[in-house]
Amino acid sequence: MSRLITALLVASLCGLLHSARVPATEQAELIAEGRAVYLDKSRGNCISCHAIDDADAKLAGRQGPPMFMMAQRFPDKRKLRAQIWDATRNNPLTIMPPVGKHWILSEEEIDAVVEYIYQF
């Protein structure tokens, strides 16, 4: 009986280790996509208003808040996503366009941008 339990535990652990690697790869791809959207002035145009600590962030704007300490500023990642989706909900006078509400970015692009900036 103990060999069976040990075998089941080892099999479960191997399954967990395998599944942990797959999301890490997907996470890296999501962050890379978020970075591409953030830096691309023809897509989300985030870089035009928000500074970020990225070597490729050329001519970053200073209109919006800089992207730093995002996990501390938004411990609940869903609130950060909601802010990007429609900043007018929290501040009707904001100059940030509601990129989700007005379909400036797709849902997937917003998710990717959130993952990218959340690491800063």
N, C-alpha and C. Protein backbone atom coordinates (compact mmCIF):
# COMPACT_ATOMS: atom_id res chain seq x y z
N MET A 1 0.81 -1.19 0.00
CA MET A 1 0.00 0.00 0.00
C MET A 1 0.86 1.26 0.00
N SER A 2 1.92 1.30 0.77
CA SER A 2 2.76 2.50 0.82
C SER A 2 3.48 2.73 -0.51
N ARG A 3 3.81 1.65 -1.23
CA ARG A 3 4.43 1.82 -2.55
C ARG A 3 3.44 2.45 -3.52
N LEU A 4 2.19 2.05 -3.43
CA LEU A 4 1.16 2.63 -4.28
C LEU A 4 1.00 4.12 -3.99
N ILE A 5 0.96 4.47 -2.73
CA ILE A 5 0.82 5.87 -2.34
C ILE A 5 2.04 6.67 -2.81
N THR A 6 3.22 6.09 -2.62
CA THR A 6 4.44 6.76 -3.06
C THR A 6 4.42 6.96 -4.58
N ALA A 7 4.01 5.93 -5.30
CA ALA A 7 3.94 6.03 -6.76
C ALA A 7 2.94 7.11 -7.19
N LEU A 8 1.80 7.16 -6.50
CA LEU A 8 0.80 8.18 -6.82
C LEU A 8 1.32 9.58 -6.51
N LEU A 9 2.02 9.73 -5.41
CA LEU A 9 2.58 11.03 -5.06
C LEU A 9 3.63 11.47 -6.07
N VAL A 10 4.49 10.54 -6.48
CA VAL A 10 5.52 10.86 -7.47
C VAL A 10 4.87 11.23 -8.80
N ALA A 11 3.86 10.49 -9.21
CA ALA A 11 3.15 10.79 -10.46
C ALA A 11 2.48 12.16 -10.38
N SER A 12 1.89 12.45 -9.23
CA SER A 12 1.24 13.75 -9.06
C SER A 12 2.26 14.87 -9.11
N LEU A 13 3.40 14.67 -8.45
CA LEU A 13 4.44 15.67 -8.44
C LEU A 13 4.99 15.90 -9.85
N CYS A 14 5.20 14.84 -10.58
CA CYS A 14 5.67 14.98 -11.97
C CYS A 14 4.66 15.75 -12.81
N GLY A 15 3.39 15.47 -12.61
CA GLY A 15 2.34 16.20 -13.33
C GLY A 15 2.34 17.67 -12.97
N LEU A 16 2.53 17.98 -11.69
CA LEU A 16 2.58 19.38 -11.27
C LEU A 16 3.79 20.09 -11.86
N LEU A 17 4.93 19.43 -11.86
CA LEU A 17 6.13 20.04 -12.42
C LEU A 17 5.97 20.31 -13.90
N HIS A 18 5.35 19.37 -14.61
CA HIS A 18 5.13 19.55 -16.05
C HIS A 18 4.17 20.71 -16.29
N SER A 19 3.07 20.76 -15.54
CA SER A 19 2.10 21.82 -15.76
C SER A 19 2.65 23.17 -15.34
N ALA A 20 3.59 23.20 -14.39
CA ALA A 20 4.18 24.47 -13.98
C ALA A 20 5.06 25.05 -15.08
N ARG A 21 5.68 24.18 -15.87
CA ARG A 21 6.54 24.67 -16.95
C ARG A 21 5.75 25.25 -18.10
N VAL A 22 4.63 24.67 -18.41
CA VAL A 22 3.83 25.15 -19.53
C VAL A 22 3.33 26.57 -19.28
N PRO A 23 2.74 26.85 -18.12
CA PRO A 23 2.31 28.23 -17.89
C PRO A 23 3.47 29.22 -17.88
N ALA A 24 4.66 28.80 -17.45
CA ALA A 24 5.81 29.72 -17.46
C ALA A 24 6.13 30.14 -18.89
N THR A 25 6.07 29.20 -19.82
CA THR A 25 6.31 29.52 -21.22
C THR A 25 5.22 30.44 -21.74
N GLU A 26 3.99 30.11 -21.42
CA GLU A 26 2.88 30.95 -21.85
C GLU A 26 2.98 32.34 -21.22
N GLN A 27 3.42 32.39 -19.96
CA GLN A 27 3.59 33.67 -19.26
C GLN A 27 4.64 34.52 -19.97
N ALA A 28 5.75 33.90 -20.35
CA ALA A 28 6.82 34.63 -21.05
C ALA A 28 6.32 35.16 -22.38
N GLU A 29 5.53 34.37 -23.09
CA GLU A 29 4.97 34.82 -24.38
C GLU A 29 3.99 35.97 -24.17
N LEU A 30 3.20 35.87 -23.12
CA LEU A 30 2.23 36.92 -22.81
C LEU A 30 2.94 38.23 -22.47
N ILE A 31 4.01 38.14 -21.67
CA ILE A 31 4.79 39.33 -21.33
C ILE A 31 5.43 39.93 -22.57
N ALA A 32 5.97 39.09 -23.44
CA ALA A 32 6.57 39.58 -24.68
C ALA A 32 5.53 40.28 -25.55
N GLU A 33 4.34 39.73 -25.63
CA GLU A 33 3.27 40.36 -26.41
C GLU A 33 2.86 41.68 -25.76
N GLY A 34 2.77 41.71 -24.44
CA GLY A 34 2.43 42.94 -23.73
C GLY A 34 3.46 44.02 -23.96
N ARG A 35 4.72 43.63 -23.97
CA ARG A 35 5.80 44.59 -24.23
C ARG A 35 5.68 45.16 -25.64
N ALA A 36 5.39 44.28 -26.60
CA ALA A 36 5.23 44.73 -27.98
C ALA A 36 4.07 45.72 -28.11
N VAL A 37 2.97 45.43 -27.47
CA VAL A 37 1.81 46.34 -27.52
C VAL A 37 2.15 47.65 -26.84
N TYR A 38 2.77 47.57 -25.66
CA TYR A 38 3.10 48.77 -24.90
C TYR A 38 4.01 49.71 -25.68
N LEU A 39 5.01 49.16 -26.34
CA LEU A 39 6.00 49.98 -27.03
C LEU A 39 5.58 50.41 -28.43
N ASP A 40 4.56 49.79 -28.98
CA ASP A 40 4.13 50.07 -30.35
C ASP A 40 3.17 51.26 -30.39
N LYS A 41 3.63 52.34 -30.98
CA LYS A 41 2.80 53.55 -31.03
C LYS A 41 1.60 53.42 -31.95
N SER A 42 1.56 52.38 -32.77
CA SER A 42 0.40 52.21 -33.65
C SER A 42 -0.64 51.26 -33.05
N ARG A 43 -0.36 50.71 -31.91
CA ARG A 43 -1.33 49.81 -31.27
C ARG A 43 -1.94 50.50 -30.06
N GLY A 44 -1.48 50.18 -28.88
CA GLY A 44 -2.05 50.79 -27.69
C GLY A 44 -1.56 52.20 -27.44
N ASN A 45 -0.36 52.48 -27.92
CA ASN A 45 0.26 53.80 -27.76
C ASN A 45 0.51 54.13 -26.29
N CYS A 46 0.69 53.12 -25.45
CA CYS A 46 0.94 53.32 -24.02
C CYS A 46 2.17 54.17 -23.79
N ILE A 47 3.21 53.91 -24.57
CA ILE A 47 4.50 54.57 -24.40
C ILE A 47 4.41 56.09 -24.61
N SER A 48 3.42 56.53 -25.33
CA SER A 48 3.29 57.98 -25.58
C SER A 48 2.97 58.76 -24.31
N CYS A 49 2.36 58.11 -23.35
CA CYS A 49 1.98 58.82 -22.11
C CYS A 49 2.67 58.29 -20.86
N HIS A 50 3.08 57.03 -20.87
CA HIS A 50 3.61 56.40 -19.66
C HIS A 50 5.07 56.01 -19.81
N ALA A 51 5.90 56.47 -18.89
CA ALA A 51 7.31 56.07 -18.84
C ALA A 51 7.41 54.67 -18.22
N ILE A 52 8.41 53.93 -18.65
CA ILE A 52 8.64 52.59 -18.13
C ILE A 52 10.14 52.30 -18.18
N ASP A 53 10.62 51.49 -17.28
CA ASP A 53 12.05 51.16 -17.21
C ASP A 53 12.35 50.02 -18.18
N ASP A 54 12.44 50.37 -19.45
CA ASP A 54 12.71 49.42 -20.52
C ASP A 54 13.67 50.10 -21.49
N ALA A 55 14.77 49.44 -21.78
CA ALA A 55 15.80 50.04 -22.64
C ALA A 55 15.26 50.46 -24.00
N ASP A 56 14.22 49.80 -24.49
CA ASP A 56 13.66 50.13 -25.80
C ASP A 56 12.54 51.16 -25.73
N ALA A 57 12.27 51.68 -24.56
CA ALA A 57 11.19 52.66 -24.40
C ALA A 57 11.72 54.05 -24.77
N LYS A 58 11.78 54.30 -26.05
CA LYS A 58 12.29 55.57 -26.56
C LYS A 58 11.18 56.62 -26.56
N LEU A 59 11.53 57.82 -26.18
CA LEU A 59 10.62 58.96 -26.19
C LEU A 59 9.33 58.71 -25.42
N ALA A 60 9.48 58.11 -24.24
CA ALA A 60 8.30 57.84 -23.41
C ALA A 60 7.70 59.16 -22.94
N GLY A 61 6.39 59.18 -22.87
CA GLY A 61 5.69 60.37 -22.42
C GLY A 61 5.69 60.51 -20.91
N ARG A 62 5.23 61.66 -20.46
CA ARG A 62 5.16 61.94 -19.02
C ARG A 62 3.76 62.41 -18.62
N GLN A 63 2.79 62.23 -19.48
CA GLN A 63 1.42 62.65 -19.17
C GLN A 63 0.77 61.75 -18.13
N GLY A 64 0.94 60.45 -18.31
CA GLY A 64 0.33 59.50 -17.39
C GLY A 64 1.33 59.07 -16.32
N PRO A 65 0.86 58.36 -15.33
CA PRO A 65 1.77 57.90 -14.28
C PRO A 65 2.80 56.92 -14.85
N PRO A 66 4.02 56.95 -14.31
CA PRO A 66 5.04 56.01 -14.78
C PRO A 66 4.72 54.59 -14.33
N MET A 67 5.21 53.65 -15.08
CA MET A 67 4.96 52.25 -14.76
C MET A 67 6.08 51.72 -13.87
N PHE A 68 5.91 51.85 -12.58
CA PHE A 68 6.84 51.29 -11.62
C PHE A 68 6.06 50.89 -10.37
N MET A 69 6.58 49.90 -9.66
CA MET A 69 5.94 49.38 -8.46
C MET A 69 4.48 48.99 -8.70
N MET A 70 4.22 48.41 -9.85
CA MET A 70 2.83 48.12 -10.22
C MET A 70 2.18 47.09 -9.28
N ALA A 71 2.92 46.07 -8.87
CA ALA A 71 2.35 45.07 -7.96
C ALA A 71 2.02 45.69 -6.61
N GLN A 72 2.83 46.65 -6.17
CA GLN A 72 2.55 47.32 -4.91
C GLN A 72 1.39 48.31 -5.06
N ARG A 73 1.33 48.98 -6.18
CA ARG A 73 0.26 49.95 -6.42
C ARG A 73 -1.08 49.27 -6.69
N PHE A 74 -1.01 48.09 -7.31
CA PHE A 74 -2.22 47.33 -7.65
C PHE A 74 -2.06 45.89 -7.16
N PRO A 75 -2.16 45.65 -5.86
CA PRO A 75 -2.01 44.27 -5.37
C PRO A 75 -3.01 43.31 -6.02
N ASP A 76 -4.17 43.82 -6.36
CA ASP A 76 -5.17 43.02 -7.07
C ASP A 76 -5.02 43.33 -8.56
N LYS A 77 -4.43 42.39 -9.28
CA LYS A 77 -4.15 42.60 -10.71
C LYS A 77 -5.42 42.90 -11.51
N ARG A 78 -6.56 42.42 -11.03
CA ARG A 78 -7.82 42.68 -11.72
C ARG A 78 -8.16 44.17 -11.73
N LYS A 79 -7.78 44.88 -10.66
CA LYS A 79 -8.04 46.32 -10.61
C LYS A 79 -7.17 47.08 -11.61
N LEU A 80 -5.95 46.62 -11.78
CA LEU A 80 -5.08 47.21 -12.80
C LEU A 80 -5.67 46.99 -14.19
N ARG A 81 -6.14 45.77 -14.44
CA ARG A 81 -6.75 45.47 -15.73
C ARG A 81 -7.98 46.33 -15.97
N ALA A 82 -8.80 46.48 -14.93
CA ALA A 82 -10.01 47.31 -15.04
C ALA A 82 -9.65 48.77 -15.31
N GLN A 83 -8.57 49.25 -14.71
CA GLN A 83 -8.11 50.62 -14.94
C GLN A 83 -7.70 50.82 -16.39
N ILE A 84 -7.02 49.84 -16.94
CA ILE A 84 -6.61 49.93 -18.34
C ILE A 84 -7.83 49.81 -19.25
N TRP A 85 -8.72 48.91 -18.93
CA TRP A 85 -9.90 48.68 -19.76
C TRP A 85 -10.74 49.95 -19.88
N ASP A 86 -10.95 50.63 -18.72
CA ASP A 86 -11.74 51.86 -18.75
C ASP A 86 -11.38 52.73 -17.54
N ALA A 87 -10.40 53.59 -17.73
CA ALA A 87 -9.95 54.47 -16.65
C ALA A 87 -11.00 55.50 -16.27
N THR A 88 -11.98 55.74 -17.13
CA THR A 88 -13.01 56.74 -16.83
C THR A 88 -13.94 56.29 -15.70
N ARG A 89 -13.95 55.01 -15.39
CA ARG A 89 -14.80 54.55 -14.28
C ARG A 89 -14.32 55.11 -12.95
N ASN A 90 -13.00 55.21 -12.76
CA ASN A 90 -12.45 55.74 -11.52
C ASN A 90 -12.26 57.25 -11.57
N ASN A 91 -12.08 57.77 -12.77
CA ASN A 91 -11.85 59.20 -12.93
C ASN A 91 -12.46 59.65 -14.26
N PRO A 92 -13.67 60.18 -14.21
CA PRO A 92 -14.32 60.60 -15.45
C PRO A 92 -13.57 61.68 -16.22
N LEU A 93 -12.65 62.38 -15.56
CA LEU A 93 -11.91 63.46 -16.21
C LEU A 93 -10.53 63.02 -16.71
N THR A 94 -10.24 61.75 -16.63
CA THR A 94 -8.93 61.27 -17.07
C THR A 94 -8.73 61.51 -18.56
N ILE A 95 -7.46 61.67 -18.94
CA ILE A 95 -7.16 61.80 -20.36
C ILE A 95 -6.85 60.44 -20.99
N MET A 96 -6.77 59.41 -20.17
CA MET A 96 -6.48 58.08 -20.70
C MET A 96 -7.71 57.54 -21.44
N PRO A 97 -7.53 57.14 -22.66
CA PRO A 97 -8.68 56.58 -23.40
C PRO A 97 -9.08 55.22 -22.82
N PRO A 98 -10.35 54.91 -22.80
CA PRO A 98 -10.81 53.60 -22.34
C PRO A 98 -10.50 52.55 -23.40
N VAL A 99 -9.30 52.00 -23.34
CA VAL A 99 -8.79 51.17 -24.43
C VAL A 99 -9.57 49.87 -24.63
N GLY A 100 -10.21 49.39 -23.60
CA GLY A 100 -11.03 48.19 -23.76
C GLY A 100 -12.44 48.54 -24.19
N LYS A 101 -13.01 49.48 -23.49
CA LYS A 101 -14.38 49.91 -23.76
C LYS A 101 -14.55 50.40 -25.20
N HIS A 102 -13.54 51.06 -25.72
CA HIS A 102 -13.60 51.58 -27.10
C HIS A 102 -12.88 50.68 -28.11
N TRP A 103 -12.53 49.49 -27.70
CA TRP A 103 -11.90 48.49 -28.57
C TRP A 103 -10.61 48.98 -29.23
N ILE A 104 -9.87 49.81 -28.51
CA ILE A 104 -8.56 50.24 -28.99
C ILE A 104 -7.60 49.05 -28.93
N LEU A 105 -7.73 48.28 -27.86
CA LEU A 105 -6.98 47.02 -27.71
C LEU A 105 -7.96 45.89 -27.50
N SER A 106 -7.57 44.71 -27.92
CA SER A 106 -8.40 43.53 -27.69
C SER A 106 -8.26 43.09 -26.23
N GLU A 107 -9.13 42.22 -25.81
CA GLU A 107 -9.06 41.67 -24.45
C GLU A 107 -7.71 40.98 -24.23
N GLU A 108 -7.24 40.25 -25.23
CA GLU A 108 -5.96 39.55 -25.13
C GLU A 108 -4.80 40.53 -25.04
N GLU A 109 -4.87 41.61 -25.79
CA GLU A 109 -3.80 42.62 -25.73
C GLU A 109 -3.78 43.30 -24.36
N ILE A 110 -4.94 43.57 -23.82
CA ILE A 110 -4.99 44.17 -22.48
C ILE A 110 -4.40 43.22 -21.45
N ASP A 111 -4.76 41.95 -21.52
CA ASP A 111 -4.19 40.96 -20.60
C ASP A 111 -2.67 40.93 -20.71
N ALA A 112 -2.18 40.99 -21.93
CA ALA A 112 -0.73 40.95 -22.16
C ALA A 112 -0.05 42.19 -21.60
N VAL A 113 -0.63 43.35 -21.81
CA VAL A 113 -0.05 44.59 -21.27
C VAL A 113 -0.03 44.54 -19.74
N VAL A 114 -1.09 44.05 -19.15
CA VAL A 114 -1.14 43.93 -17.68
C VAL A 114 0.01 43.06 -17.19
N GLU A 115 0.22 41.91 -17.84
CA GLU A 115 1.31 41.02 -17.42
C GLU A 115 2.67 41.69 -17.59
N TYR A 116 2.83 42.43 -18.66
CA TYR A 116 4.10 43.11 -18.91
C TYR A 116 4.38 44.18 -17.85
N ILE A 117 3.44 45.08 -17.63
CA ILE A 117 3.73 46.18 -16.71
C ILE A 117 3.70 45.73 -15.25
N TYR A 118 3.05 44.62 -14.96
CA TYR A 118 2.96 44.15 -13.57
C TYR A 118 4.31 43.71 -13.02
N GLN A 119 5.25 43.44 -13.89
CA GLN A 119 6.57 43.03 -13.42
C GLN A 119 7.44 44.21 -13.02
N PHE A 120 7.00 45.43 -13.27
CA PHE A 120 7.78 46.62 -12.91
C PHE A 120 7.36 47.15 -11.56
